[in-house]
């Protein structure tokens, strides 16, 4: 049973494309552990990564914390994370469990660092921040961080990407009743919500970047891994076919079979209890 304050539509949005999500989405960069450990002031004994998806932001902490727990409500995403863990060899320091952002399986004051990577905008913020505050020890650190989409590449391609995302959102307004649509909170409001919660003594935004290797398949796959596009495709609508084809051709023409370093911008909102 889903606890009150959680949206089944938000959780179900990520059903069925866990393999594509894991293959094409960026991994969290090592700088995340450096920044947050420095704010904590010591090596964390326990890190919780909530809304962890397939673990792209969880495995990062294996060597940087005593124990790491990934929390994910979506069964398909969770199954992918567990499969990756099994294939890499079970590690006592790392685990994944099904759970919800406003009902975490931790004792009060027991967690050093809590992160939300690409996920906080899907969570009801008031109850989530209260639960995060309950779980964090005094001086503990919360961080919500996200990539800027699209990844930095070229003006025409980035414009086509934005048109594709907008078209998917407009289609969903037609294809889905409002009650069945997922709802997200604007990322620009994360810092204000952290400050307004009254749960943290310090809050700020940090901007940084990372680079990853990317080819045309990955750049297109990353675009198609966005939840709005996936929802349209799952509804068996062909309305995006031409836009997807045009976008794919433009991307392939740019990469010309090459694998190139691509710039990824991040925005992190931090709160210290």
C-alpha atoms as a PDB file:
ATOM      1  CA  UNK A   1       0.000   0.000   0.000  1.00  0.00           C
ATOM      2  CA  UNK A   2       1.340   3.415  -0.969  1.00  0.00           C
ATOM      3  CA  UNK A   3       1.599   5.770   2.031  1.00  0.00           C
ATOM      4  CA  UNK A   4      -0.482   8.947   2.022  1.00  0.00           C
ATOM      5  CA  UNK A   5       1.195  11.839   0.262  1.00  0.00           C
ATOM      6  CA  UNK A   6       2.695   9.682  -2.468  1.00  0.00           C
ATOM      7  CA  UNK A   7       1.454   9.651  -6.058  1.00  0.00           C
ATOM      8  CA  UNK A   8       0.848   6.325  -7.776  1.00  0.00           C
ATOM      9  CA  UNK A   9       0.932   8.168 -11.099  1.00  0.00           C
ATOM     10  CA  UNK A  10       4.412   9.506 -10.361  1.00  0.00           C
ATOM     11  CA  UNK A  11       5.640   6.053  -9.391  1.00  0.00           C
ATOM     12  CA  UNK A  12       4.037   4.301 -12.366  1.00  0.00           C
ATOM     13  CA  UNK A  13       5.510   6.841 -14.801  1.00  0.00           C
ATOM     14  CA  UNK A  14       8.809   4.930 -14.602  1.00  0.00           C
ATOM     15  CA  UNK A  15       7.475   1.431 -15.224  1.00  0.00           C
ATOM     16  CA  UNK A  16       8.801  -0.615 -18.102  1.00  0.00           C
ATOM     17  CA  UNK A  17      11.885   1.241 -19.328  1.00  0.00           C
ATOM     18  CA  UNK A  18      14.399   0.554 -16.569  1.00  0.00           C
ATOM     19  CA  UNK A  19      16.936  -0.957 -18.999  1.00  0.00           C
ATOM     20  CA  UNK A  20      16.931   2.100 -21.267  1.00  0.00           C
ATOM     21  CA  UNK A  21      17.028   4.436 -18.269  1.00  0.00           C
ATOM     22  CA  UNK A  22      20.045   2.665 -16.833  1.00  0.00           C
ATOM     23  CA  UNK A  23      21.858   2.384 -20.171  1.00  0.00           C
ATOM     24  CA  UNK A  24      21.561   6.013 -21.267  1.00  0.00           C
ATOM     25  CA  UNK A  25      21.179   8.237 -18.195  1.00  0.00           C
ATOM     26  CA  UNK A  26      24.294   9.845 -16.647  1.00  0.00           C
ATOM     27  CA  UNK A  27      25.880   8.340 -13.549  1.00  0.00           C
ATOM     28  CA  UNK A  28      26.260  10.654 -10.579  1.00  0.00           C
ATOM     29  CA  UNK A  29      29.777  12.163 -10.645  1.00  0.00           C
ATOM     30  CA  UNK A  30      32.317  11.510  -7.848  1.00  0.00           C
ATOM     31  CA  UNK A  31      32.275  15.210  -6.963  1.00  0.00           C
ATOM     32  CA  UNK A  32      28.927  14.562  -5.230  1.00  0.00           C
ATOM     33  CA  UNK A  33      30.578  12.465  -2.529  1.00  0.00           C
ATOM     34  CA  UNK A  34      33.398  14.981  -2.101  1.00  0.00           C
ATOM     35  CA  UNK A  35      31.091  17.976  -1.685  1.00  0.00           C
ATOM     36  CA  UNK A  36      28.678  16.325   0.719  1.00  0.00           C
ATOM     37  CA  UNK A  37      31.338  14.593   2.813  1.00  0.00           C
ATOM     38  CA  UNK A  38      33.087  17.922   3.203  1.00  0.00           C
ATOM     39  CA  UNK A  39      29.859  19.555   4.435  1.00  0.00           C
ATOM     40  CA  UNK A  40      29.348  16.676   6.867  1.00  0.00           C
ATOM     41  CA  UNK A  41      32.895  17.058   8.158  1.00  0.00           C
ATOM     42  CA  UNK A  42      33.646  13.336   8.363  1.00  0.00           C
ATOM     43  CA  UNK A  43      33.222  10.099   6.465  1.00  0.00           C
ATOM     44  CA  UNK A  44      29.511   9.194   6.597  1.00  0.00           C
ATOM     45  CA  UNK A  45      28.516   6.052   8.458  1.00  0.00           C
ATOM     46  CA  UNK A  46      25.135   5.855   6.706  1.00  0.00           C
ATOM     47  CA  UNK A  47      23.984   7.382   3.415  1.00  0.00           C
ATOM     48  CA  UNK A  48      20.432   7.053   2.088  1.00  0.00           C
ATOM     49  CA  UNK A  49      19.732   7.679  -1.595  1.00  0.00           C
ATOM     50  CA  UNK A  50      15.959   8.114  -1.979  1.00  0.00           C
ATOM     51  CA  UNK A  51      14.238   7.820  -5.323  1.00  0.00           C
ATOM     52  CA  UNK A  52      17.392   6.019  -6.375  1.00  0.00           C
ATOM     53  CA  UNK A  53      16.010   4.497  -9.579  1.00  0.00           C
ATOM     54  CA  UNK A  54      18.399   1.910 -10.981  1.00  0.00           C
ATOM     55  CA  UNK A  55      21.190   2.928  -8.604  1.00  0.00           C
ATOM     56  CA  UNK A  56      23.042   5.359 -10.876  1.00  0.00           C
ATOM     57  CA  UNK A  57      23.448   7.664  -7.876  1.00  0.00           C
ATOM     58  CA  UNK A  58      23.800   4.955  -5.220  1.00  0.00           C
ATOM     59  CA  UNK A  59      26.761   2.807  -6.292  1.00  0.00           C
ATOM     60  CA  UNK A  60      28.789   6.019  -6.242  1.00  0.00           C
ATOM     61  CA  UNK A  61      28.966   5.820  -2.418  1.00  0.00           C
ATOM     62  CA  UNK A  62      30.329   2.259  -2.136  1.00  0.00           C
ATOM     63  CA  UNK A  63      33.833   3.303  -1.162  1.00  0.00           C
ATOM     64  CA  UNK A  64      32.847   6.605   0.482  1.00  0.00           C
ATOM     65  CA  UNK A  65      30.501   5.550   3.286  1.00  0.00           C
ATOM     66  CA  UNK A  66      30.181   2.836   5.899  1.00  0.00           C
ATOM     67  CA  UNK A  67      26.748   1.827   4.633  1.00  0.00           C
ATOM     68  CA  UNK A  68      24.582   2.941   1.710  1.00  0.00           C
ATOM     69  CA  UNK A  69      20.867   2.249   1.241  1.00  0.00           C
ATOM     70  CA  UNK A  70      19.021   2.988  -1.990  1.00  0.00           C
ATOM     71  CA  UNK A  71      15.287   3.591  -1.556  1.00  0.00           C
ATOM     72  CA  UNK A  72      13.020   3.269  -4.595  1.00  0.00           C
ATOM     73  CA  UNK A  73       9.212   2.906  -4.867  1.00  0.00           C
ATOM     74  CA  UNK A  74       9.053   1.737  -8.486  1.00  0.00           C
ATOM     75  CA  UNK A  75       9.332  -2.083  -8.730  1.00  0.00           C
ATOM     76  CA  UNK A  76      10.925  -2.139 -12.191  1.00  0.00           C
ATOM     77  CA  UNK A  77      13.600   0.414 -11.309  1.00  0.00           C
ATOM     78  CA  UNK A  78      14.267  -1.352  -8.006  1.00  0.00           C
ATOM     79  CA  UNK A  79      14.566  -4.739  -9.731  1.00  0.00           C
ATOM     80  CA  UNK A  80      17.192  -3.295 -12.087  1.00  0.00           C
ATOM     81  CA  UNK A  81      19.210  -1.909  -9.165  1.00  0.00           C
ATOM     82  CA  UNK A  82      19.049  -5.262  -7.371  1.00  0.00           C
ATOM     83  CA  UNK A  83      20.080  -7.109 -10.531  1.00  0.00           C
ATOM     84  CA  UNK A  84      23.100  -4.838 -10.948  1.00  0.00           C
ATOM     85  CA  UNK A  85      24.040  -5.398  -7.315  1.00  0.00           C
ATOM     86  CA  UNK A  86      23.792  -9.172  -7.724  1.00  0.00           C
ATOM     87  CA  UNK A  87      25.933  -9.128 -10.866  1.00  0.00           C
ATOM     88  CA  UNK A  88      28.589  -7.002  -9.192  1.00  0.00           C
ATOM     89  CA  UNK A  89      28.667  -9.252  -6.135  1.00  0.00           C
ATOM     90  CA  UNK A  90      26.677  -8.673  -2.978  1.00  0.00           C
ATOM     91  CA  UNK A  91      28.268  -6.091  -0.712  1.00  0.00           C
ATOM     92  CA  UNK A  92      27.355  -5.708   2.945  1.00  0.00           C
ATOM     93  CA  UNK A  93      27.808  -1.961   2.716  1.00  0.00           C
ATOM     94  CA  UNK A  94      25.270  -1.491  -0.099  1.00  0.00           C
ATOM     95  CA  UNK A  95      21.588  -2.432  -0.266  1.00  0.00           C
ATOM     96  CA  UNK A  96      18.398  -1.513  -2.089  1.00  0.00           C
ATOM     97  CA  UNK A  97      14.878  -1.649  -0.682  1.00  0.00           C
ATOM     98  CA  UNK A  98      11.427  -0.556  -1.760  1.00  0.00           C
ATOM     99  CA  UNK A  99      10.294   2.522   0.133  1.00  0.00           C
ATOM    100  CA  UNK A 100       8.860   6.014  -0.007  1.00  0.00           C
ATOM    101  CA  UNK A 101      10.354   9.438   0.589  1.00  0.00           C
ATOM    102  CA  UNK A 102       7.962  10.367   3.408  1.00  0.00           C
ATOM    103  CA  UNK A 103       8.101   6.989   5.155  1.00  0.00           C
ATOM    104  CA  UNK A 104      11.756   6.021   5.393  1.00  0.00           C
ATOM    105  CA  UNK A 105      12.954   2.856   7.171  1.00  0.00           C
ATOM    106  CA  UNK A 106      15.470   4.577   9.462  1.00  0.00           C
ATOM    107  CA  UNK A 107      15.573   5.456  13.143  1.00  0.00           C
ATOM    108  CA  UNK A 108      15.347   9.132  14.021  1.00  0.00           C
ATOM    109  CA  UNK A 109      18.723  10.875  13.897  1.00  0.00           C
ATOM    110  CA  UNK A 110      20.473   7.847  12.382  1.00  0.00           C
ATOM    111  CA  UNK A 111      21.440   8.989   8.874  1.00  0.00           C
ATOM    112  CA  UNK A 112      24.434  11.175   7.990  1.00  0.00           C
ATOM    113  CA  UNK A 113      23.617  12.082   4.379  1.00  0.00           C
ATOM    114  CA  UNK A 114      20.397  11.804   2.368  1.00  0.00           C
ATOM    115  CA  UNK A 115      20.409  12.406  -1.379  1.00  0.00           C
ATOM    116  CA  UNK A 116      17.814  12.711  -4.131  1.00  0.00           C
ATOM    117  CA  UNK A 117      19.328  12.480  -7.595  1.00  0.00           C
ATOM    118  CA  UNK A 118      16.946  13.417 -10.425  1.00  0.00           C
ATOM    119  CA  UNK A 119      14.053  12.537  -8.130  1.00  0.00           C
ATOM    120  CA  UNK A 120      13.085  15.218  -5.589  1.00  0.00           C
ATOM    121  CA  UNK A 121      10.727  16.917  -8.071  1.00  0.00           C
ATOM    122  CA  UNK A 122       8.556  13.768  -8.034  1.00  0.00           C
ATOM    123  CA  UNK A 123       8.132  13.802  -4.236  1.00  0.00           C
ATOM    124  CA  UNK A 124       5.585  15.704  -2.155  1.00  0.00           C
ATOM    125  CA  UNK A 125       8.058  18.198  -0.670  1.00  0.00           C
ATOM    126  CA  UNK A 126       6.544  19.098   2.715  1.00  0.00           C
ATOM    127  CA  UNK A 127       6.141  15.570   4.091  1.00  0.00           C
ATOM    128  CA  UNK A 128       9.373  14.436   2.402  1.00  0.00           C
ATOM    129  CA  UNK A 129      11.490  17.194   3.969  1.00  0.00           C
ATOM    130  CA  UNK A 130       9.947  16.542   7.387  1.00  0.00           C
ATOM    131  CA  UNK A 131      10.797  12.851   7.092  1.00  0.00           C
ATOM    132  CA  UNK A 132      14.319  13.610   5.875  1.00  0.00           C
ATOM    133  CA  UNK A 133      14.811  15.912   8.862  1.00  0.00           C
ATOM    134  CA  UNK A 134      13.573  13.190  11.225  1.00  0.00           C
ATOM    135  CA  UNK A 135      16.071  10.693   9.872  1.00  0.00           C
ATOM    136  CA  UNK A 136      19.102  12.991   9.679  1.00  0.00           C
ATOM    137  CA  UNK A 137      21.375  13.393  12.667  1.00  0.00           C
ATOM    138  CA  UNK A 138      22.229  16.881  13.865  1.00  0.00           C
ATOM    139  CA  UNK A 139      24.662  18.290  11.321  1.00  0.00           C
ATOM    140  CA  UNK A 140      23.472  15.771   8.745  1.00  0.00           C
ATOM    141  CA  UNK A 141      23.281  16.784   5.097  1.00  0.00           C
ATOM    142  CA  UNK A 142      20.458  16.618   2.563  1.00  0.00           C
ATOM    143  CA  UNK A 143      21.126  17.197  -1.144  1.00  0.00           C
ATOM    144  CA  UNK A 144      18.748  17.229  -4.101  1.00  0.00           C
ATOM    145  CA  UNK A 145      20.663  17.396  -7.370  1.00  0.00           C
ATOM    146  CA  UNK A 146      19.680  17.264 -11.026  1.00  0.00           C
ATOM    147  CA  UNK A 147      21.120  17.462 -14.523  1.00  0.00           C
ATOM    148  CA  UNK A 148      20.148  20.256 -16.849  1.00  0.00           C
ATOM    149  CA  UNK A 149      18.367  18.788 -19.875  1.00  0.00           C
ATOM    150  CA  UNK A 150      19.295  18.550 -22.666  1.00  0.00           C
ATOM    151  CA  UNK A 151      22.976  17.795 -22.316  1.00  0.00           C
ATOM    152  CA  UNK A 152      25.131  20.504 -23.853  1.00  0.00           C
ATOM    153  CA  UNK A 153      25.722  19.781 -27.538  1.00  0.00           C
ATOM    154  CA  UNK A 154      24.524  22.020 -30.398  1.00  0.00           C
ATOM    155  CA  UNK A 155      21.770  24.642 -30.765  1.00  0.00           C
ATOM    156  CA  UNK A 156      19.625  22.955 -33.421  1.00  0.00           C
ATOM    157  CA  UNK A 157      19.718  19.591 -31.664  1.00  0.00           C
ATOM    158  CA  UNK A 158      18.942  21.087 -28.262  1.00  0.00           C
ATOM    159  CA  UNK A 159      16.010  22.998 -29.793  1.00  0.00           C
ATOM    160  CA  UNK A 160      14.687  19.783 -31.349  1.00  0.00           C
ATOM    161  CA  UNK A 161      15.029  18.049 -27.974  1.00  0.00           C
ATOM    162  CA  UNK A 162      12.950  20.730 -26.251  1.00  0.00           C
ATOM    163  CA  UNK A 163      10.329  20.575 -28.996  1.00  0.00           C
ATOM    164  CA  UNK A 164      10.105  16.807 -28.546  1.00  0.00           C
ATOM    165  CA  UNK A 165       9.623  17.097 -24.782  1.00  0.00           C
ATOM    166  CA  UNK A 166       7.009  19.854 -25.193  1.00  0.00           C
ATOM    167  CA  UNK A 167       5.127  17.830 -27.795  1.00  0.00           C
ATOM    168  CA  UNK A 168       5.035  14.823 -25.472  1.00  0.00           C
ATOM    169  CA  UNK A 169       3.665  16.921 -22.615  1.00  0.00           C
ATOM    170  CA  UNK A 170       0.984  18.431 -24.866  1.00  0.00           C
ATOM    171  CA  UNK A 171      -0.018  14.988 -26.100  1.00  0.00           C
ATOM    172  CA  UNK A 172      -0.376  13.675 -22.570  1.00  0.00           C
ATOM    173  CA  UNK A 173      -2.868  16.434 -21.823  1.00  0.00           C
ATOM    174  CA  UNK A 174      -4.984  14.959 -24.633  1.00  0.00           C
ATOM    175  CA  UNK A 175      -4.292  11.251 -24.147  1.00  0.00           C
ATOM    176  CA  UNK A 176      -4.596  11.057 -20.359  1.00  0.00           C
ATOM    177  CA  UNK A 177      -7.301  12.322 -17.995  1.00  0.00           C
ATOM    178  CA  UNK A 178      -5.852  14.855 -15.551  1.00  0.00           C
ATOM    179  CA  UNK A 179      -6.340  12.431 -12.642  1.00  0.00           C
ATOM    180  CA  UNK A 180      -4.067   9.878 -14.357  1.00  0.00           C
ATOM    181  CA  UNK A 181      -1.232  12.275 -15.121  1.00  0.00           C
ATOM    182  CA  UNK A 182       1.991  12.453 -13.142  1.00  0.00           C
ATOM    183  CA  UNK A 183       2.735  15.694 -11.320  1.00  0.00           C
ATOM    184  CA  UNK A 184       6.147  17.193 -10.671  1.00  0.00           C
ATOM    185  CA  UNK A 185       7.297  20.171  -8.634  1.00  0.00           C
ATOM    186  CA  UNK A 186       9.532  22.724 -10.366  1.00  0.00           C
ATOM    187  CA  UNK A 187      13.214  22.157  -9.709  1.00  0.00           C
ATOM    188  CA  UNK A 188      13.845  25.899  -9.466  1.00  0.00           C
ATOM    189  CA  UNK A 189      11.782  25.884  -6.284  1.00  0.00           C
ATOM    190  CA  UNK A 190      13.817  23.197  -4.490  1.00  0.00           C
ATOM    191  CA  UNK A 191      16.044  25.598  -2.576  1.00  0.00           C
ATOM    192  CA  UNK A 192      13.118  27.761  -1.484  1.00  0.00           C
ATOM    193  CA  UNK A 193      11.245  24.711  -0.207  1.00  0.00           C
ATOM    194  CA  UNK A 194      14.274  23.496   1.722  1.00  0.00           C
ATOM    195  CA  UNK A 195      14.648  26.928   3.327  1.00  0.00           C
ATOM    196  CA  UNK A 196      10.921  27.314   4.031  1.00  0.00           C
ATOM    197  CA  UNK A 197      10.677  23.887   5.691  1.00  0.00           C
ATOM    198  CA  UNK A 198      12.358  25.147   8.851  1.00  0.00           C
ATOM    199  CA  UNK A 199      14.230  21.842   9.053  1.00  0.00           C
ATOM    200  CA  UNK A 200      17.692  23.103   8.164  1.00  0.00           C
ATOM    201  CA  UNK A 201      20.123  25.587   9.699  1.00  0.00           C
ATOM    202  CA  UNK A 202      21.912  26.209   6.391  1.00  0.00           C
ATOM    203  CA  UNK A 203      20.908  25.928   2.748  1.00  0.00           C
ATOM    204  CA  UNK A 204      22.459  26.851  -0.572  1.00  0.00           C
ATOM    205  CA  UNK A 205      22.665  25.953  -4.251  1.00  0.00           C
ATOM    206  CA  UNK A 206      25.828  24.584  -5.849  1.00  0.00           C
ATOM    207  CA  UNK A 207      26.420  24.463  -9.608  1.00  0.00           C
ATOM    208  CA  UNK A 208      28.998  22.131 -11.150  1.00  0.00           C
ATOM    209  CA  UNK A 209      29.560  20.010 -14.212  1.00  0.00           C
ATOM    210  CA  UNK A 210      30.843  16.656 -15.352  1.00  0.00           C
ATOM    211  CA  UNK A 211      31.694  15.109 -18.705  1.00  0.00           C
ATOM    212  CA  UNK A 212      30.783  11.658 -19.986  1.00  0.00           C
ATOM    213  CA  UNK A 213      31.450   9.877 -23.253  1.00  0.00           C
ATOM    214  CA  UNK A 214      28.488   9.949 -25.593  1.00  0.00           C
ATOM    215  CA  UNK A 215      27.629   8.763 -29.089  1.00  0.00           C
ATOM    216  CA  UNK A 216      24.521   9.284 -31.203  1.00  0.00           C
ATOM    217  CA  UNK A 217      22.784   6.181 -29.832  1.00  0.00           C
ATOM    218  CA  UNK A 218      23.251   7.358 -26.278  1.00  0.00           C
ATOM    219  CA  UNK A 219      22.165  10.948 -26.932  1.00  0.00           C
ATOM    220  CA  UNK A 220      18.983   9.797 -28.659  1.00  0.00           C
ATOM    221  CA  UNK A 221      18.398   7.093 -26.045  1.00  0.00           C
ATOM    222  CA  UNK A 222      18.749   9.617 -23.255  1.00  0.00           C
ATOM    223  CA  UNK A 223      16.074  11.812 -24.825  1.00  0.00           C
ATOM    224  CA  UNK A 224      13.762   8.833 -25.293  1.00  0.00           C
ATOM    225  CA  UNK A 225      14.292   7.815 -21.648  1.00  0.00           C
ATOM    226  CA  UNK A 226      12.429  10.921 -20.475  1.00  0.00           C
ATOM    227  CA  UNK A 227       9.232   9.946 -18.715  1.00  0.00           C
ATOM    228  CA  UNK A 228       6.846  12.032 -20.805  1.00  0.00           C
ATOM    229  CA  UNK A 229       8.044  10.498 -24.069  1.00  0.00           C
ATOM    230  CA  UNK A 230       7.967   7.020 -22.562  1.00  0.00           C
ATOM    231  CA  UNK A 231       4.400   7.545 -21.358  1.00  0.00           C
ATOM    232  CA  UNK A 232       3.278   8.589 -24.855  1.00  0.00           C
ATOM    233  CA  UNK A 233       4.974   5.523 -26.341  1.00  0.00           C
ATOM    234  CA  UNK A 234       3.393   3.242 -23.727  1.00  0.00           C
ATOM    235  CA  UNK A 235      -0.010   4.642 -24.715  1.00  0.00           C
ATOM    236  CA  UNK A 236       0.795   3.369 -28.238  1.00  0.00           C
ATOM    237  CA  UNK A 237       0.513   6.776 -29.818  1.00  0.00           C
ATOM    238  CA  UNK A 238       2.432   7.301 -33.056  1.00  0.00           C
ATOM    239  CA  UNK A 239       2.139  11.095 -32.852  1.00  0.00           C
ATOM    240  CA  UNK A 240       5.808  11.582 -31.919  1.00  0.00           C
ATOM    241  CA  UNK A 241       7.265   9.364 -34.635  1.00  0.00           C
ATOM    242  CA  UNK A 242       8.239  12.131 -37.060  1.00  0.00           C
ATOM    243  CA  UNK A 243       9.739  14.355 -34.354  1.00  0.00           C
ATOM    244  CA  UNK A 244      11.734  11.424 -32.985  1.00  0.00           C
ATOM    245  CA  UNK A 245      12.945  10.515 -36.482  1.00  0.00           C
ATOM    246  CA  UNK A 246      13.991  14.087 -37.273  1.00  0.00           C
ATOM    247  CA  UNK A 247      15.749  14.416 -33.910  1.00  0.00           C
ATOM    248  CA  UNK A 248      17.589  11.112 -34.420  1.00  0.00           C
ATOM    249  CA  UNK A 249      18.786  12.114 -37.900  1.00  0.00           C
ATOM    250  CA  UNK A 250      20.092  15.460 -36.616  1.00  0.00           C
ATOM    251  CA  UNK A 251      21.950  13.754 -33.763  1.00  0.00           C
ATOM    252  CA  UNK A 252      23.474  11.121 -36.057  1.00  0.00           C
ATOM    253  CA  UNK A 253      24.632  13.795 -38.483  1.00  0.00           C
ATOM    254  CA  UNK A 254      26.317  15.666 -35.648  1.00  0.00           C
ATOM    255  CA  UNK A 255      28.161  12.678 -34.164  1.00  0.00           C
ATOM    256  CA  UNK A 256      29.058  11.106 -37.531  1.00  0.00           C
ATOM    257  CA  UNK A 257      29.827   7.807 -35.861  1.00  0.00           C
ATOM    258  CA  UNK A 258      32.082   9.418 -33.250  1.00  0.00           C
ATOM    259  CA  UNK A 259      32.077   9.042 -29.496  1.00  0.00           C
ATOM    260  CA  UNK A 260      32.625  12.454 -27.928  1.00  0.00           C
ATOM    261  CA  UNK A 261      32.916  13.956 -24.429  1.00  0.00           C
ATOM    262  CA  UNK A 262      29.645  15.702 -23.573  1.00  0.00           C
ATOM    263  CA  UNK A 263      29.248  18.418 -20.934  1.00  0.00           C
ATOM    264  CA  UNK A 264      26.656  17.733 -18.201  1.00  0.00           C
ATOM    265  CA  UNK A 265      25.564  20.617 -15.972  1.00  0.00           C
ATOM    266  CA  UNK A 266      24.336  19.902 -12.445  1.00  0.00           C
ATOM    267  CA  UNK A 267      22.422  21.961  -9.881  1.00  0.00           C
ATOM    268  CA  UNK A 268      22.549  20.783  -6.289  1.00  0.00           C
ATOM    269  CA  UNK A 269      20.410  22.180  -3.477  1.00  0.00           C
ATOM    270  CA  UNK A 270      21.863  21.425  -0.060  1.00  0.00           C
ATOM    271  CA  UNK A 271      20.369  21.644   3.416  1.00  0.00           C
ATOM    272  CA  UNK A 272      22.286  21.017   6.649  1.00  0.00           C
ATOM    273  CA  UNK A 273      20.278  20.088   9.732  1.00  0.00           C
END
